[in-house]
């Protein structure tokens, strides 16, 4: 069974809908939700942590029990997110979200209600507090997109 691709944005012209379809197709052979979560966490382990100067209160996502940091920068009309968290599971999910929305135009992100975690059933076995925290991360991505549009 093939592992999901390591990077979600294979081309700068890929829409969020196309990215989501690629994810759904990649994860379809993996029935076990715990195995899906493990793949997401393992993928995040390959990403370097954010430097200390970015892990500051100004970049914290409020509403998360775990410490979560999220920043975005606009380059060539596309947003690039940087994310980290102090919990390995939350870090995996937050980095996954950041990677999903990376390299998309701010207007597309702001207009989108796409939730790749929900589409892959990755939220199903999480506690309500973790789900609420991830909703706060998704809202922060939306807010950053609106601010940088």
C-alpha atoms as a PDB file:
ATOM      1  CA  UNK A   1       0.000   0.000   0.000  1.00  0.00           C
ATOM      2  CA  UNK A   2       1.583   3.326  -1.010  1.00  0.00           C
ATOM      3  CA  UNK A   3       2.367   5.891   1.654  1.00  0.00           C
ATOM      4  CA  UNK A   4       0.884   9.340   1.154  1.00  0.00           C
ATOM      5  CA  UNK A   5       3.132  11.742  -0.671  1.00  0.00           C
ATOM      6  CA  UNK A   6       5.571  13.672   1.478  1.00  0.00           C
ATOM      7  CA  UNK A   7       4.640  17.088   0.184  1.00  0.00           C
ATOM      8  CA  UNK A   8       1.164  18.281  -0.675  1.00  0.00           C
ATOM      9  CA  UNK A   9       1.969  21.057  -3.127  1.00  0.00           C
ATOM     10  CA  UNK A  10       3.516  19.559  -6.213  1.00  0.00           C
ATOM     11  CA  UNK A  11       2.881  22.629  -8.381  1.00  0.00           C
ATOM     12  CA  UNK A  12       2.139  26.271  -7.606  1.00  0.00           C
ATOM     13  CA  UNK A  13      -1.009  26.104  -9.751  1.00  0.00           C
ATOM     14  CA  UNK A  14      -2.668  23.300  -7.777  1.00  0.00           C
ATOM     15  CA  UNK A  15      -5.955  24.388  -6.229  1.00  0.00           C
ATOM     16  CA  UNK A  16      -7.030  23.452  -2.718  1.00  0.00           C
ATOM     17  CA  UNK A  17      -9.730  21.220  -4.211  1.00  0.00           C
ATOM     18  CA  UNK A  18      -7.092  19.353  -6.244  1.00  0.00           C
ATOM     19  CA  UNK A  19      -4.823  19.053  -3.197  1.00  0.00           C
ATOM     20  CA  UNK A  20      -7.713  17.638  -1.195  1.00  0.00           C
ATOM     21  CA  UNK A  21      -8.541  15.096  -3.888  1.00  0.00           C
ATOM     22  CA  UNK A  22      -4.891  13.997  -3.981  1.00  0.00           C
ATOM     23  CA  UNK A  23      -4.931  13.502  -0.211  1.00  0.00           C
ATOM     24  CA  UNK A  24      -8.190  11.560  -0.282  1.00  0.00           C
ATOM     25  CA  UNK A  25      -6.791   9.328  -3.035  1.00  0.00           C
ATOM     26  CA  UNK A  26      -3.462   8.858  -1.211  1.00  0.00           C
ATOM     27  CA  UNK A  27      -5.081   7.974   2.105  1.00  0.00           C
ATOM     28  CA  UNK A  28      -7.902   5.829   0.649  1.00  0.00           C
ATOM     29  CA  UNK A  29      -5.955   2.536   0.922  1.00  0.00           C
ATOM     30  CA  UNK A  30      -5.342   3.182   4.634  1.00  0.00           C
ATOM     31  CA  UNK A  31      -8.477   2.113   6.493  1.00  0.00           C
ATOM     32  CA  UNK A  32      -7.039   2.289   9.999  1.00  0.00           C
ATOM     33  CA  UNK A  33      -7.470   5.823  11.396  1.00  0.00           C
ATOM     34  CA  UNK A  34      -4.619   5.311  13.862  1.00  0.00           C
ATOM     35  CA  UNK A  35      -2.311   4.410  10.982  1.00  0.00           C
ATOM     36  CA  UNK A  36      -3.380   7.591   9.183  1.00  0.00           C
ATOM     37  CA  UNK A  37      -2.551   9.667  12.266  1.00  0.00           C
ATOM     38  CA  UNK A  38       0.802   7.909  12.590  1.00  0.00           C
ATOM     39  CA  UNK A  39       1.675   8.811   8.989  1.00  0.00           C
ATOM     40  CA  UNK A  40       0.811  12.467   9.626  1.00  0.00           C
ATOM     41  CA  UNK A  41       2.897  12.579  12.823  1.00  0.00           C
ATOM     42  CA  UNK A  42       5.825  10.818  11.137  1.00  0.00           C
ATOM     43  CA  UNK A  43       5.726  13.293   8.251  1.00  0.00           C
ATOM     44  CA  UNK A  44       5.958  16.218  10.701  1.00  0.00           C
ATOM     45  CA  UNK A  45       8.989  14.653  12.405  1.00  0.00           C
ATOM     46  CA  UNK A  46      10.921  15.246   9.188  1.00  0.00           C
ATOM     47  CA  UNK A  47      10.220  18.994   9.400  1.00  0.00           C
ATOM     48  CA  UNK A  48      12.622  21.079  11.476  1.00  0.00           C
ATOM     49  CA  UNK A  49      11.114  22.834  14.511  1.00  0.00           C
ATOM     50  CA  UNK A  50      10.502  26.552  14.348  1.00  0.00           C
ATOM     51  CA  UNK A  51      13.360  28.679  15.675  1.00  0.00           C
ATOM     52  CA  UNK A  52      12.951  30.134  19.170  1.00  0.00           C
ATOM     53  CA  UNK A  53      12.512  33.663  17.797  1.00  0.00           C
ATOM     54  CA  UNK A  54       9.315  32.534  16.043  1.00  0.00           C
ATOM     55  CA  UNK A  55       8.018  30.473  18.978  1.00  0.00           C
ATOM     56  CA  UNK A  56       6.773  33.597  20.743  1.00  0.00           C
ATOM     57  CA  UNK A  57       3.415  34.613  22.192  1.00  0.00           C
ATOM     58  CA  UNK A  58       2.623  36.817  19.187  1.00  0.00           C
ATOM     59  CA  UNK A  59       2.534  33.669  17.019  1.00  0.00           C
ATOM     60  CA  UNK A  60       0.660  31.431  19.484  1.00  0.00           C
ATOM     61  CA  UNK A  61      -2.715  30.114  18.431  1.00  0.00           C
ATOM     62  CA  UNK A  62      -5.230  30.864  21.166  1.00  0.00           C
ATOM     63  CA  UNK A  63      -7.724  28.142  21.942  1.00  0.00           C
ATOM     64  CA  UNK A  64      -5.218  25.297  21.862  1.00  0.00           C
ATOM     65  CA  UNK A  65      -4.397  23.358  25.014  1.00  0.00           C
ATOM     66  CA  UNK A  66      -0.970  22.493  23.592  1.00  0.00           C
ATOM     67  CA  UNK A  67       1.342  25.340  22.677  1.00  0.00           C
ATOM     68  CA  UNK A  68       0.909  25.941  18.938  1.00  0.00           C
ATOM     69  CA  UNK A  69       2.694  28.548  16.838  1.00  0.00           C
ATOM     70  CA  UNK A  70       1.648  29.581  13.346  1.00  0.00           C
ATOM     71  CA  UNK A  71       3.034  32.255  11.049  1.00  0.00           C
ATOM     72  CA  UNK A  72       2.534  33.100   7.407  1.00  0.00           C
ATOM     73  CA  UNK A  73       4.370  35.086   4.812  1.00  0.00           C
ATOM     74  CA  UNK A  74       3.267  36.270   1.417  1.00  0.00           C
ATOM     75  CA  UNK A  75       5.666  35.465  -1.430  1.00  0.00           C
ATOM     76  CA  UNK A  76       4.823  35.986  -5.074  1.00  0.00           C
ATOM     77  CA  UNK A  77       1.121  36.262  -4.289  1.00  0.00           C
ATOM     78  CA  UNK A  78       1.005  32.976  -2.365  1.00  0.00           C
ATOM     79  CA  UNK A  79       0.968  32.226   1.340  1.00  0.00           C
ATOM     80  CA  UNK A  80       3.630  30.142   3.017  1.00  0.00           C
ATOM     81  CA  UNK A  81       2.854  28.898   6.516  1.00  0.00           C
ATOM     82  CA  UNK A  82       5.228  27.854   9.264  1.00  0.00           C
ATOM     83  CA  UNK A  83       3.826  25.846  12.165  1.00  0.00           C
ATOM     84  CA  UNK A  84       4.967  24.033  15.279  1.00  0.00           C
ATOM     85  CA  UNK A  85       3.544  22.632  18.515  1.00  0.00           C
ATOM     86  CA  UNK A  86       4.881  21.171  21.728  1.00  0.00           C
ATOM     87  CA  UNK A  87       2.852  17.938  21.457  1.00  0.00           C
ATOM     88  CA  UNK A  88       3.984  15.434  18.775  1.00  0.00           C
ATOM     89  CA  UNK A  89       0.410  14.578  17.752  1.00  0.00           C
ATOM     90  CA  UNK A  90      -0.718  18.202  17.597  1.00  0.00           C
ATOM     91  CA  UNK A  91       2.498  19.161  15.802  1.00  0.00           C
ATOM     92  CA  UNK A  92       1.797  16.501  13.182  1.00  0.00           C
ATOM     93  CA  UNK A  93      -1.726  17.763  12.584  1.00  0.00           C
ATOM     94  CA  UNK A  94      -0.759  21.459  12.592  1.00  0.00           C
ATOM     95  CA  UNK A  95       2.186  20.931  10.218  1.00  0.00           C
ATOM     96  CA  UNK A  96      -0.155  18.890   8.000  1.00  0.00           C
ATOM     97  CA  UNK A  97      -2.644  21.790   7.882  1.00  0.00           C
ATOM     98  CA  UNK A  98       0.107  24.318   7.180  1.00  0.00           C
ATOM     99  CA  UNK A  99       1.504  22.118   4.408  1.00  0.00           C
ATOM    100  CA  UNK A 100      -1.943  21.692   2.884  1.00  0.00           C
ATOM    101  CA  UNK A 101      -2.585  25.450   2.661  1.00  0.00           C
ATOM    102  CA  UNK A 102       1.004  26.346   1.690  1.00  0.00           C
ATOM    103  CA  UNK A 103       1.620  27.964  -1.660  1.00  0.00           C
ATOM    104  CA  UNK A 104      -2.018  28.925  -2.213  1.00  0.00           C
ATOM    105  CA  UNK A 105      -3.309  32.415  -2.941  1.00  0.00           C
ATOM    106  CA  UNK A 106      -4.662  34.180   0.171  1.00  0.00           C
ATOM    107  CA  UNK A 107      -8.047  34.787  -1.487  1.00  0.00           C
ATOM    108  CA  UNK A 108      -8.485  31.064  -2.197  1.00  0.00           C
ATOM    109  CA  UNK A 109      -7.628  30.167   1.401  1.00  0.00           C
ATOM    110  CA  UNK A 110      -9.904  32.894   2.787  1.00  0.00           C
ATOM    111  CA  UNK A 111     -12.818  31.688   0.638  1.00  0.00           C
ATOM    112  CA  UNK A 112     -12.256  28.017   1.412  1.00  0.00           C
ATOM    113  CA  UNK A 113     -14.002  25.993   4.074  1.00  0.00           C
ATOM    114  CA  UNK A 114     -11.916  22.964   3.178  1.00  0.00           C
ATOM    115  CA  UNK A 115     -10.795  20.937   6.178  1.00  0.00           C
ATOM    116  CA  UNK A 116      -8.353  18.233   5.093  1.00  0.00           C
ATOM    117  CA  UNK A 117      -8.291  16.724   8.595  1.00  0.00           C
ATOM    118  CA  UNK A 118     -12.050  16.167   8.546  1.00  0.00           C
ATOM    119  CA  UNK A 119     -11.973  14.908   4.949  1.00  0.00           C
ATOM    120  CA  UNK A 120      -9.515  12.194   5.998  1.00  0.00           C
ATOM    121  CA  UNK A 121     -11.388  11.365   9.245  1.00  0.00           C
ATOM    122  CA  UNK A 122      -8.312  12.398  11.230  1.00  0.00           C
ATOM    123  CA  UNK A 123     -10.445  14.265  13.785  1.00  0.00           C
ATOM    124  CA  UNK A 124     -12.699  11.313  14.529  1.00  0.00           C
ATOM    125  CA  UNK A 125     -10.747   9.809  17.444  1.00  0.00           C
ATOM    126  CA  UNK A 126      -9.437  13.069  18.908  1.00  0.00           C
ATOM    127  CA  UNK A 127     -10.689  14.561  22.148  1.00  0.00           C
ATOM    128  CA  UNK A 128     -13.086  17.527  21.962  1.00  0.00           C
ATOM    129  CA  UNK A 129     -10.359  19.847  23.284  1.00  0.00           C
ATOM    130  CA  UNK A 130      -7.951  18.752  20.534  1.00  0.00           C
ATOM    131  CA  UNK A 131     -10.656  19.186  17.896  1.00  0.00           C
ATOM    132  CA  UNK A 132     -11.417  22.673  19.246  1.00  0.00           C
ATOM    133  CA  UNK A 133      -7.723  23.550  19.154  1.00  0.00           C
ATOM    134  CA  UNK A 134      -7.426  22.415  15.547  1.00  0.00           C
ATOM    135  CA  UNK A 135     -10.499  24.488  14.691  1.00  0.00           C
ATOM    136  CA  UNK A 136      -8.655  27.465  16.197  1.00  0.00           C
ATOM    137  CA  UNK A 137      -5.645  26.683  13.987  1.00  0.00           C
ATOM    138  CA  UNK A 138      -7.867  26.532  10.889  1.00  0.00           C
ATOM    139  CA  UNK A 139      -9.464  29.845  11.898  1.00  0.00           C
ATOM    140  CA  UNK A 140      -6.008  31.394  12.360  1.00  0.00           C
ATOM    141  CA  UNK A 141      -5.017  30.233   8.859  1.00  0.00           C
ATOM    142  CA  UNK A 142      -8.191  31.878   7.531  1.00  0.00           C
ATOM    143  CA  UNK A 143      -7.494  35.097   9.484  1.00  0.00           C
ATOM    144  CA  UNK A 144      -3.900  35.261   8.232  1.00  0.00           C
ATOM    145  CA  UNK A 145      -5.131  34.721   4.669  1.00  0.00           C
ATOM    146  CA  UNK A 146      -7.621  37.582   5.019  1.00  0.00           C
ATOM    147  CA  UNK A 147      -4.964  39.867   6.521  1.00  0.00           C
ATOM    148  CA  UNK A 148      -2.431  39.123   3.762  1.00  0.00           C
ATOM    149  CA  UNK A 149      -4.872  39.122   0.833  1.00  0.00           C
END
